[in-house]
């Protein structure tokens, strides 16, 4: 996935979930933030950020914050990127090389699952979670309680009984962490549900990403560690 035009700026403040003020060429610009997570360890005053330039003249903001530098590591925070990366590159993942149908935003149960795919008789559901939180070399999800995410995991468990293959993909939007863990300290119920799903047969996957200032692409598979309480 590539951004057509980007600018660098300096983060100033984030007055609400959807808006950040960024200094660009000495001017404080109002910018859109698509990631509604807390991102407190990223949005630090003075942090270097990467902005995608919008070409839509009807928008109230001319920029989207897409990446943030954290101690020299570039972290993509674009909430639309994970689905696009997986849909574009799923055939580069072991076990999915021969997928012949992909359908995004698939209605199942009371949810919309991020991806439905087929290969012959295989019916595959995959929920994709973008991961932007890193602590001491471990990527963590979520960075805020997620009742919606909890519901999705339970739906995937239910789908196994109806003949689907089900997967949770934790896409780590950076290159650096060596392991991934559900964030027990932030939302223990979600983390324990992911453990149950794994035992029930839901495939739990974690991949990192190669992130540049104007692109993000699928990286390598990362080890998953369960039971990681602080």
C-alpha atoms as a PDB file:
ATOM      1  CA  UNK A   1       0.000   0.000   0.000  1.00  0.00           C
ATOM      2  CA  UNK A   2       1.431   3.354  -1.042  1.00  0.00           C
ATOM      3  CA  UNK A   3       0.473   6.926  -0.187  1.00  0.00           C
ATOM      4  CA  UNK A   4       0.542   9.211  -3.202  1.00  0.00           C
ATOM      5  CA  UNK A   5       1.819  12.333  -1.423  1.00  0.00           C
ATOM      6  CA  UNK A   6       3.155  12.746   2.100  1.00  0.00           C
ATOM      7  CA  UNK A   7       4.521  15.545   4.284  1.00  0.00           C
ATOM      8  CA  UNK A   8       6.465  15.518   7.528  1.00  0.00           C
ATOM      9  CA  UNK A   9       5.333  17.552  10.505  1.00  0.00           C
ATOM     10  CA  UNK A  10       5.723  17.924  14.266  1.00  0.00           C
ATOM     11  CA  UNK A  11       2.907  16.782  16.546  1.00  0.00           C
ATOM     12  CA  UNK A  12       1.469  19.467  18.818  1.00  0.00           C
ATOM     13  CA  UNK A  13      -1.739  18.175  20.417  1.00  0.00           C
ATOM     14  CA  UNK A  14      -4.739  15.901  19.960  1.00  0.00           C
ATOM     15  CA  UNK A  15      -7.853  17.630  21.330  1.00  0.00           C
ATOM     16  CA  UNK A  16     -10.107  14.674  20.482  1.00  0.00           C
ATOM     17  CA  UNK A  17      -9.948  11.206  18.904  1.00  0.00           C
ATOM     18  CA  UNK A  18     -10.364  12.424  15.344  1.00  0.00           C
ATOM     19  CA  UNK A  19      -8.263  15.598  15.244  1.00  0.00           C
ATOM     20  CA  UNK A  20      -4.606  16.427  15.788  1.00  0.00           C
ATOM     21  CA  UNK A  21      -2.747  19.686  15.380  1.00  0.00           C
ATOM     22  CA  UNK A  22       0.566  19.346  13.596  1.00  0.00           C
ATOM     23  CA  UNK A  23       3.160  21.998  12.864  1.00  0.00           C
ATOM     24  CA  UNK A  24       4.033  22.092   9.169  1.00  0.00           C
ATOM     25  CA  UNK A  25       6.513  24.751   7.999  1.00  0.00           C
ATOM     26  CA  UNK A  26       5.906  26.727  11.190  1.00  0.00           C
ATOM     27  CA  UNK A  27       2.089  26.680  10.905  1.00  0.00           C
ATOM     28  CA  UNK A  28      -0.258  24.670  13.150  1.00  0.00           C
ATOM     29  CA  UNK A  29      -2.452  22.627  10.802  1.00  0.00           C
ATOM     30  CA  UNK A  30      -5.634  20.782  11.762  1.00  0.00           C
ATOM     31  CA  UNK A  31      -5.267  17.134  10.651  1.00  0.00           C
ATOM     32  CA  UNK A  32      -7.551  14.105  10.615  1.00  0.00           C
ATOM     33  CA  UNK A  33      -6.747  11.026  12.722  1.00  0.00           C
ATOM     34  CA  UNK A  34      -8.468   7.849  11.496  1.00  0.00           C
ATOM     35  CA  UNK A  35      -7.157   5.726  14.375  1.00  0.00           C
ATOM     36  CA  UNK A  36      -9.500   6.176  17.336  1.00  0.00           C
ATOM     37  CA  UNK A  37      -7.226   4.241  19.708  1.00  0.00           C
ATOM     38  CA  UNK A  38      -5.465   6.077  22.512  1.00  0.00           C
ATOM     39  CA  UNK A  39      -1.971   6.029  20.956  1.00  0.00           C
ATOM     40  CA  UNK A  40      -0.716   7.920  24.016  1.00  0.00           C
ATOM     41  CA  UNK A  41       2.808   6.555  23.709  1.00  0.00           C
ATOM     42  CA  UNK A  42       2.929   7.842  20.119  1.00  0.00           C
ATOM     43  CA  UNK A  43       1.233  11.222  20.282  1.00  0.00           C
ATOM     44  CA  UNK A  44       3.886  12.933  22.343  1.00  0.00           C
ATOM     45  CA  UNK A  45       4.341  16.689  21.832  1.00  0.00           C
ATOM     46  CA  UNK A  46       7.234  17.249  19.460  1.00  0.00           C
ATOM     47  CA  UNK A  47       7.058  13.795  17.848  1.00  0.00           C
ATOM     48  CA  UNK A  48       7.784  13.656  14.127  1.00  0.00           C
ATOM     49  CA  UNK A  49       4.701  12.551  12.199  1.00  0.00           C
ATOM     50  CA  UNK A  50       4.007  11.672   8.578  1.00  0.00           C
ATOM     51  CA  UNK A  51       0.924  13.090   6.913  1.00  0.00           C
ATOM     52  CA  UNK A  52      -0.909  11.966   3.801  1.00  0.00           C
ATOM     53  CA  UNK A  53      -1.994  14.951   1.745  1.00  0.00           C
ATOM     54  CA  UNK A  54      -5.688  14.927   0.791  1.00  0.00           C
ATOM     55  CA  UNK A  55      -6.735  15.998  -2.695  1.00  0.00           C
ATOM     56  CA  UNK A  56     -10.389  16.430  -1.684  1.00  0.00           C
ATOM     57  CA  UNK A  57     -11.189  20.170  -1.632  1.00  0.00           C
ATOM     58  CA  UNK A  58     -14.463  19.552   0.260  1.00  0.00           C
ATOM     59  CA  UNK A  59     -12.710  18.178   3.337  1.00  0.00           C
ATOM     60  CA  UNK A  60     -12.287  20.335   6.420  1.00  0.00           C
ATOM     61  CA  UNK A  61      -8.786  18.926   6.923  1.00  0.00           C
ATOM     62  CA  UNK A  62      -6.113  18.753   4.262  1.00  0.00           C
ATOM     63  CA  UNK A  63      -4.032  16.052   5.911  1.00  0.00           C
ATOM     64  CA  UNK A  64      -4.351  12.619   7.498  1.00  0.00           C
ATOM     65  CA  UNK A  65      -1.875  11.516  10.157  1.00  0.00           C
ATOM     66  CA  UNK A  66      -0.649   8.132   8.897  1.00  0.00           C
ATOM     67  CA  UNK A  67       2.589   7.442  10.802  1.00  0.00           C
ATOM     68  CA  UNK A  68       4.454   8.529  13.918  1.00  0.00           C
ATOM     69  CA  UNK A  69       8.131   8.171  14.826  1.00  0.00           C
ATOM     70  CA  UNK A  70       8.682   6.536  18.229  1.00  0.00           C
ATOM     71  CA  UNK A  71      12.327   6.413  19.328  1.00  0.00           C
ATOM     72  CA  UNK A  72      13.418   6.159  15.701  1.00  0.00           C
ATOM     73  CA  UNK A  73      10.856   3.460  14.830  1.00  0.00           C
ATOM     74  CA  UNK A  74       8.168   4.448  12.328  1.00  0.00           C
ATOM     75  CA  UNK A  75       4.699   3.269  13.396  1.00  0.00           C
ATOM     76  CA  UNK A  76       1.850   3.378  10.898  1.00  0.00           C
ATOM     77  CA  UNK A  77      -1.422   4.372  12.619  1.00  0.00           C
ATOM     78  CA  UNK A  78      -3.702   4.454   9.578  1.00  0.00           C
ATOM     79  CA  UNK A  79      -6.755   2.399  10.625  1.00  0.00           C
ATOM     80  CA  UNK A  80      -7.584   1.632   6.993  1.00  0.00           C
ATOM     81  CA  UNK A  81      -4.141   0.229   6.202  1.00  0.00           C
ATOM     82  CA  UNK A  82      -4.353  -3.249   7.841  1.00  0.00           C
ATOM     83  CA  UNK A  83      -7.330  -4.429   5.788  1.00  0.00           C
ATOM     84  CA  UNK A  84      -5.833  -3.070   2.579  1.00  0.00           C
ATOM     85  CA  UNK A  85      -2.471  -4.721   3.249  1.00  0.00           C
ATOM     86  CA  UNK A  86      -3.996  -8.136   3.990  1.00  0.00           C
ATOM     87  CA  UNK A  87      -6.457  -8.040   1.100  1.00  0.00           C
ATOM     88  CA  UNK A  88      -3.639  -7.090  -1.275  1.00  0.00           C
ATOM     89  CA  UNK A  89      -1.087  -9.558   0.103  1.00  0.00           C
ATOM     90  CA  UNK A  90      -2.996 -12.471   1.638  1.00  0.00           C
ATOM     91  CA  UNK A  91      -1.613 -14.807  -1.024  1.00  0.00           C
ATOM     92  CA  UNK A  92       1.872 -14.152   0.384  1.00  0.00           C
ATOM     93  CA  UNK A  93       0.842 -15.809   3.665  1.00  0.00           C
ATOM     94  CA  UNK A  94       1.482 -19.541   4.090  1.00  0.00           C
ATOM     95  CA  UNK A  95      -1.737 -21.490   3.696  1.00  0.00           C
ATOM     96  CA  UNK A  96      -3.486 -18.794   1.675  1.00  0.00           C
ATOM     97  CA  UNK A  97      -1.430 -18.857  -1.532  1.00  0.00           C
ATOM     98  CA  UNK A  98      -4.233 -20.269  -3.692  1.00  0.00           C
ATOM     99  CA  UNK A  99      -7.178 -18.195  -2.499  1.00  0.00           C
ATOM    100  CA  UNK A 100      -9.458 -17.665  -5.500  1.00  0.00           C
ATOM    101  CA  UNK A 101     -12.120 -15.360  -4.013  1.00  0.00           C
ATOM    102  CA  UNK A 102     -11.853 -12.470  -1.564  1.00  0.00           C
ATOM    103  CA  UNK A 103     -14.812 -10.532  -0.236  1.00  0.00           C
ATOM    104  CA  UNK A 104     -14.215  -7.714   2.291  1.00  0.00           C
ATOM    105  CA  UNK A 105     -16.687  -6.644   5.006  1.00  0.00           C
ATOM    106  CA  UNK A 106     -18.553  -9.943   5.087  1.00  0.00           C
ATOM    107  CA  UNK A 107     -21.769 -10.127   7.086  1.00  0.00           C
ATOM    108  CA  UNK A 108     -21.720 -13.009   9.548  1.00  0.00           C
ATOM    109  CA  UNK A 109     -23.979 -13.385  12.587  1.00  0.00           C
ATOM    110  CA  UNK A 110     -24.402  -9.972  14.167  1.00  0.00           C
ATOM    111  CA  UNK A 111     -21.047  -8.705  12.853  1.00  0.00           C
ATOM    112  CA  UNK A 112     -19.236  -7.658   9.743  1.00  0.00           C
ATOM    113  CA  UNK A 113     -16.065  -9.700   9.521  1.00  0.00           C
ATOM    114  CA  UNK A 114     -13.182  -7.985   7.743  1.00  0.00           C
ATOM    115  CA  UNK A 115     -12.545 -10.665   5.134  1.00  0.00           C
ATOM    116  CA  UNK A 116     -14.217 -13.729   3.634  1.00  0.00           C
ATOM    117  CA  UNK A 117     -12.212 -15.899   1.254  1.00  0.00           C
ATOM    118  CA  UNK A 118     -12.616 -19.154  -0.622  1.00  0.00           C
ATOM    119  CA  UNK A 119     -10.288 -21.752  -2.037  1.00  0.00           C
ATOM    120  CA  UNK A 120     -12.167 -24.710  -3.488  1.00  0.00           C
ATOM    121  CA  UNK A 121     -14.323 -26.018  -0.642  1.00  0.00           C
ATOM    122  CA  UNK A 122     -12.577 -23.882   1.971  1.00  0.00           C
ATOM    123  CA  UNK A 123     -14.700 -21.094   3.453  1.00  0.00           C
ATOM    124  CA  UNK A 124     -12.504 -18.689   5.386  1.00  0.00           C
ATOM    125  CA  UNK A 125     -13.341 -15.844   7.749  1.00  0.00           C
ATOM    126  CA  UNK A 126     -10.608 -13.488   8.928  1.00  0.00           C
ATOM    127  CA  UNK A 127     -10.825 -10.595  11.350  1.00  0.00           C
ATOM    128  CA  UNK A 128      -7.910  -8.155  11.024  1.00  0.00           C
ATOM    129  CA  UNK A 129      -6.705  -6.095  13.978  1.00  0.00           C
ATOM    130  CA  UNK A 130      -4.189  -3.317  13.444  1.00  0.00           C
ATOM    131  CA  UNK A 131      -1.598  -3.157  16.224  1.00  0.00           C
ATOM    132  CA  UNK A 132       0.146   0.139  17.046  1.00  0.00           C
ATOM    133  CA  UNK A 133       1.141  -0.413  20.688  1.00  0.00           C
ATOM    134  CA  UNK A 134       4.640  -1.669  21.515  1.00  0.00           C
ATOM    135  CA  UNK A 135       6.223  -2.139  24.935  1.00  0.00           C
ATOM    136  CA  UNK A 136       9.702  -3.518  25.579  1.00  0.00           C
ATOM    137  CA  UNK A 137       9.868  -5.300  22.221  1.00  0.00           C
ATOM    138  CA  UNK A 138       6.387  -6.839  22.456  1.00  0.00           C
ATOM    139  CA  UNK A 139       3.461  -5.689  20.318  1.00  0.00           C
ATOM    140  CA  UNK A 140       0.169  -5.515  22.230  1.00  0.00           C
ATOM    141  CA  UNK A 141      -3.515  -5.317  21.299  1.00  0.00           C
ATOM    142  CA  UNK A 142      -5.740  -3.579  22.238  1.00  0.00           C
ATOM    143  CA  UNK A 143      -4.567  -0.202  23.515  1.00  0.00           C
ATOM    144  CA  UNK A 144      -8.082   0.498  24.807  1.00  0.00           C
ATOM    145  CA  UNK A 145     -10.954  -1.831  25.854  1.00  0.00           C
ATOM    146  CA  UNK A 146     -12.691  -3.262  22.774  1.00  0.00           C
ATOM    147  CA  UNK A 147     -16.159  -4.725  23.202  1.00  0.00           C
ATOM    148  CA  UNK A 148     -16.486  -4.803  19.420  1.00  0.00           C
ATOM    149  CA  UNK A 149     -13.301  -6.851  19.144  1.00  0.00           C
ATOM    150  CA  UNK A 150     -14.548  -9.223  21.832  1.00  0.00           C
ATOM    151  CA  UNK A 151     -17.752  -9.785  19.879  1.00  0.00           C
ATOM    152  CA  UNK A 152     -15.785 -10.521  16.721  1.00  0.00           C
ATOM    153  CA  UNK A 153     -13.678 -13.180  18.446  1.00  0.00           C
ATOM    154  CA  UNK A 154     -16.806 -14.911  19.738  1.00  0.00           C
ATOM    155  CA  UNK A 155     -18.379 -14.811  16.270  1.00  0.00           C
ATOM    156  CA  UNK A 156     -15.292 -16.487  14.829  1.00  0.00           C
ATOM    157  CA  UNK A 157     -15.520 -19.240  17.445  1.00  0.00           C
ATOM    158  CA  UNK A 158     -19.174 -19.782  16.510  1.00  0.00           C
ATOM    159  CA  UNK A 159     -18.311 -19.983  12.815  1.00  0.00           C
ATOM    160  CA  UNK A 160     -16.174 -23.091  13.357  1.00  0.00           C
ATOM    161  CA  UNK A 161     -19.319 -25.078  14.122  1.00  0.00           C
ATOM    162  CA  UNK A 162     -20.740 -24.077  10.742  1.00  0.00           C
ATOM    163  CA  UNK A 163     -17.798 -25.363   8.736  1.00  0.00           C
ATOM    164  CA  UNK A 164     -15.798 -22.177   8.332  1.00  0.00           C
ATOM    165  CA  UNK A 165     -12.086 -21.798   8.854  1.00  0.00           C
ATOM    166  CA  UNK A 166     -11.618 -18.797  11.122  1.00  0.00           C
ATOM    167  CA  UNK A 167      -8.592 -16.590  11.756  1.00  0.00           C
ATOM    168  CA  UNK A 168      -7.650 -13.527  13.761  1.00  0.00           C
ATOM    169  CA  UNK A 169      -4.849 -11.582  12.115  1.00  0.00           C
ATOM    170  CA  UNK A 170      -2.970  -9.153  14.351  1.00  0.00           C
ATOM    171  CA  UNK A 171      -1.150  -6.918  11.883  1.00  0.00           C
ATOM    172  CA  UNK A 172       1.649  -5.070  13.671  1.00  0.00           C
ATOM    173  CA  UNK A 173       1.962  -1.725  11.907  1.00  0.00           C
ATOM    174  CA  UNK A 174       5.712  -1.417  12.464  1.00  0.00           C
ATOM    175  CA  UNK A 175       8.985  -3.322  12.170  1.00  0.00           C
ATOM    176  CA  UNK A 176      10.702  -3.994  15.472  1.00  0.00           C
ATOM    177  CA  UNK A 177       8.702  -6.043  18.000  1.00  0.00           C
ATOM    178  CA  UNK A 178       9.857  -9.656  18.243  1.00  0.00           C
ATOM    179  CA  UNK A 179       6.685 -11.023  19.824  1.00  0.00           C
ATOM    180  CA  UNK A 180       2.986 -10.284  20.061  1.00  0.00           C
ATOM    181  CA  UNK A 181       0.682 -10.688  23.055  1.00  0.00           C
ATOM    182  CA  UNK A 182      -2.956  -9.874  23.706  1.00  0.00           C
ATOM    183  CA  UNK A 183      -3.032  -6.949  26.114  1.00  0.00           C
ATOM    184  CA  UNK A 184      -4.249  -8.579  29.334  1.00  0.00           C
ATOM    185  CA  UNK A 185      -3.665  -5.438  31.378  1.00  0.00           C
ATOM    186  CA  UNK A 186      -5.832  -3.292  29.119  1.00  0.00           C
ATOM    187  CA  UNK A 187      -8.706  -5.741  28.401  1.00  0.00           C
ATOM    188  CA  UNK A 188      -8.316  -9.064  30.141  1.00  0.00           C
ATOM    189  CA  UNK A 189     -11.648 -10.454  28.918  1.00  0.00           C
ATOM    190  CA  UNK A 190     -10.625  -9.889  25.298  1.00  0.00           C
ATOM    191  CA  UNK A 191      -7.184 -11.447  25.854  1.00  0.00           C
ATOM    192  CA  UNK A 192      -8.626 -14.520  27.541  1.00  0.00           C
ATOM    193  CA  UNK A 193     -11.200 -14.875  24.748  1.00  0.00           C
ATOM    194  CA  UNK A 194      -8.392 -14.898  22.182  1.00  0.00           C
ATOM    195  CA  UNK A 195      -6.777 -17.703  24.189  1.00  0.00           C
ATOM    196  CA  UNK A 196     -10.056 -19.652  24.180  1.00  0.00           C
ATOM    197  CA  UNK A 197     -10.463 -19.081  20.445  1.00  0.00           C
ATOM    198  CA  UNK A 198      -6.966 -20.396  19.830  1.00  0.00           C
ATOM    199  CA  UNK A 199      -7.715 -23.558  21.815  1.00  0.00           C
ATOM    200  CA  UNK A 200     -11.036 -23.974  19.982  1.00  0.00           C
ATOM    201  CA  UNK A 201      -9.337 -23.974  16.579  1.00  0.00           C
ATOM    202  CA  UNK A 202      -9.427 -20.339  15.481  1.00  0.00           C
ATOM    203  CA  UNK A 203      -6.097 -19.553  13.831  1.00  0.00           C
ATOM    204  CA  UNK A 204      -4.381 -16.699  15.651  1.00  0.00           C
ATOM    205  CA  UNK A 205      -1.750 -15.031  13.462  1.00  0.00           C
ATOM    206  CA  UNK A 206       0.598 -12.093  13.975  1.00  0.00           C
ATOM    207  CA  UNK A 207       2.653 -10.415  11.236  1.00  0.00           C
ATOM    208  CA  UNK A 208       4.733  -7.284  11.333  1.00  0.00           C
ATOM    209  CA  UNK A 209       4.977  -4.727   8.538  1.00  0.00           C
ATOM    210  CA  UNK A 210       7.629  -2.943   6.556  1.00  0.00           C
ATOM    211  CA  UNK A 211       6.790   0.737   7.047  1.00  0.00           C
ATOM    212  CA  UNK A 212       8.263   3.686   5.161  1.00  0.00           C
ATOM    213  CA  UNK A 213       7.111   7.269   5.129  1.00  0.00           C
ATOM    214  CA  UNK A 214       4.983   6.670   2.036  1.00  0.00           C
ATOM    215  CA  UNK A 215       4.153   2.944   2.202  1.00  0.00           C
ATOM    216  CA  UNK A 216       3.263  -0.065   4.325  1.00  0.00           C
ATOM    217  CA  UNK A 217       3.542  -3.705   3.290  1.00  0.00           C
ATOM    218  CA  UNK A 218       3.340  -7.158   4.845  1.00  0.00           C
ATOM    219  CA  UNK A 219       6.435  -8.271   6.723  1.00  0.00           C
ATOM    220  CA  UNK A 220       7.159 -11.542   8.526  1.00  0.00           C
ATOM    221  CA  UNK A 221       5.273 -13.747  10.952  1.00  0.00           C
ATOM    222  CA  UNK A 222       5.815 -12.915  14.631  1.00  0.00           C
ATOM    223  CA  UNK A 223       5.663 -15.302  17.595  1.00  0.00           C
ATOM    224  CA  UNK A 224       2.576 -15.053  19.815  1.00  0.00           C
ATOM    225  CA  UNK A 225       2.851 -15.217  23.580  1.00  0.00           C
ATOM    226  CA  UNK A 226      -0.190 -15.929  25.716  1.00  0.00           C
ATOM    227  CA  UNK A 227      -0.539 -15.426  29.464  1.00  0.00           C
ATOM    228  CA  UNK A 228       1.670 -12.316  29.484  1.00  0.00           C
ATOM    229  CA  UNK A 229       0.455 -10.368  32.529  1.00  0.00           C
ATOM    230  CA  UNK A 230       2.550  -7.569  34.036  1.00  0.00           C
END
